[in-house]
């Protein structure tokens, strides 16, 4: 099993969600987050004063997938979220040792 964490633009959430649902992804956790990468934010003017917005709004998706779903899900996210511009986001993959469903104590892939 693999945990996939993706940081994407808020405007791309619906297209990414649809792409993952098409693949048969059963569950995902979505959070509103703030941060920056290489773009380091930007400056804006409000009421005549300039200020720096260095933590930009992003969406974080978290999924735990069977290993055979990982490459298809990764490609679906890349295809749905890419604009070709800076700030498109990142995908992080890490191994998951065990999953336990709290309701009935199922373990492993059955708990996904």
Protein backbone atom coordinates (compact mmCIF):
# COMPACT_ATOMS: atom_id res chain seq x y z
CA UNK A 1 0.00 0.00 0.00
CA UNK A 2 1.12 3.54 -0.75
CA UNK A 3 0.08 6.89 0.65
CA UNK A 4 -0.22 9.53 -2.04
CA UNK A 5 -0.23 13.17 -0.96
CA UNK A 6 -0.82 15.77 -3.64
CA UNK A 7 -0.66 19.54 -3.28
CA UNK A 8 -2.62 21.19 -6.11
CA UNK A 9 -4.17 24.49 -7.14
CA UNK A 10 -7.67 25.01 -5.66
CA UNK A 11 -9.10 25.58 -9.16
CA UNK A 12 -8.02 22.06 -10.21
CA UNK A 13 -9.75 20.17 -7.38
CA UNK A 14 -12.89 19.16 -9.28
CA UNK A 15 -11.03 17.88 -12.34
CA UNK A 16 -8.60 15.90 -10.17
CA UNK A 17 -11.45 14.45 -8.11
CA UNK A 18 -13.33 13.39 -11.25
CA UNK A 19 -10.21 11.76 -12.71
CA UNK A 20 -9.61 9.77 -9.52
CA UNK A 21 -13.24 8.67 -9.23
CA UNK A 22 -13.09 7.46 -12.86
CA UNK A 23 -10.16 5.23 -11.86
CA UNK A 24 -12.22 3.71 -9.07
CA UNK A 25 -10.45 5.39 -6.17
CA UNK A 26 -12.69 4.69 -3.17
CA UNK A 27 -11.72 7.34 -0.63
CA UNK A 28 -9.71 10.49 -0.26
CA UNK A 29 -9.16 13.21 2.30
CA UNK A 30 -9.09 16.80 1.07
CA UNK A 31 -7.77 19.72 3.12
CA UNK A 32 -7.40 23.44 2.51
CA UNK A 33 -3.77 24.32 3.16
CA UNK A 34 -1.47 27.28 2.67
CA UNK A 35 2.15 27.30 1.60
CA UNK A 36 4.68 28.16 -1.05
CA UNK A 37 7.38 26.52 -3.06
CA UNK A 38 9.76 28.15 -5.48
CA UNK A 39 7.37 30.94 -6.38
CA UNK A 40 7.71 32.41 -2.86
CA UNK A 41 4.32 34.12 -3.08
CA UNK A 42 3.63 37.50 -4.63
CA UNK A 43 3.00 41.13 -3.72
CA UNK A 44 -0.39 42.83 -3.81
CA UNK A 45 -1.63 46.35 -3.23
CA UNK A 46 -4.55 46.91 -0.86
CA UNK A 47 -5.80 50.43 -0.12
CA UNK A 48 -2.60 51.93 -1.40
CA UNK A 49 -0.30 49.76 0.67
CA UNK A 50 1.84 47.01 -0.78
CA UNK A 51 2.12 43.75 1.09
CA UNK A 52 3.54 40.30 0.43
CA UNK A 53 1.36 37.22 0.21
CA UNK A 54 3.88 34.48 0.88
CA UNK A 55 1.54 31.64 1.88
CA UNK A 56 -0.69 30.83 -1.05
CA UNK A 57 -3.91 28.79 -0.79
CA UNK A 58 -3.57 25.20 -1.99
CA UNK A 59 -5.49 21.93 -1.73
CA UNK A 60 -3.97 18.81 -0.20
CA UNK A 61 -5.32 15.41 -1.24
CA UNK A 62 -4.40 12.33 0.75
CA UNK A 63 -5.12 8.81 -0.52
CA UNK A 64 -3.98 5.37 0.52
CA UNK A 65 -3.95 3.09 -2.50
CA UNK A 66 -3.19 -0.50 -3.38
CA UNK A 67 0.22 -0.58 -5.06
CA UNK A 68 -1.26 -1.46 -8.46
CA UNK A 69 -3.34 1.77 -8.45
CA UNK A 70 -0.50 4.17 -7.65
CA UNK A 71 0.91 4.83 -11.12
CA UNK A 72 -2.55 5.31 -12.70
CA UNK A 73 -3.62 7.67 -9.91
CA UNK A 74 -0.36 9.63 -10.15
CA UNK A 75 -0.74 10.04 -13.92
CA UNK A 76 -4.40 11.07 -13.53
CA UNK A 77 -3.49 13.77 -11.02
CA UNK A 78 -0.65 15.08 -13.18
CA UNK A 79 -2.87 15.21 -16.26
CA UNK A 80 -5.80 16.87 -14.45
CA UNK A 81 -3.78 19.36 -12.37
CA UNK A 82 -1.08 20.51 -14.79
CA UNK A 83 -1.21 23.99 -16.29
CA UNK A 84 2.47 24.14 -17.20
CA UNK A 85 3.00 27.14 -14.93
CA UNK A 86 4.88 27.52 -11.68
CA UNK A 87 2.79 26.56 -8.65
CA UNK A 88 1.04 23.53 -10.19
CA UNK A 89 1.94 21.49 -7.10
CA UNK A 90 3.70 18.31 -6.03
CA UNK A 91 2.94 14.65 -5.41
CA UNK A 92 4.54 12.74 -2.53
CA UNK A 93 4.50 8.94 -2.30
CA UNK A 94 5.31 6.92 0.80
CA UNK A 95 4.87 3.30 1.85
CA UNK A 96 2.15 2.34 4.32
CA UNK A 97 2.85 -0.68 6.55
CA UNK A 98 -0.67 -1.32 7.80
CA UNK A 99 -4.23 -0.06 7.51
CA UNK A 100 -6.87 -0.90 10.11
CA UNK A 101 -10.57 -0.11 9.72
CA UNK A 102 -11.74 0.99 13.16
CA UNK A 103 -15.36 -0.16 12.74
CA UNK A 104 -14.66 -3.88 12.28
CA UNK A 105 -10.86 -4.18 12.69
CA UNK A 106 -10.27 -5.25 9.06
CA UNK A 107 -6.61 -5.00 8.14
CA UNK A 108 -4.53 -4.48 5.02
CA UNK A 109 -6.04 -4.00 1.56
CA UNK A 110 -9.48 -5.10 2.81
CA UNK A 111 -9.55 -2.02 5.05
CA UNK A 112 -9.11 0.37 2.13
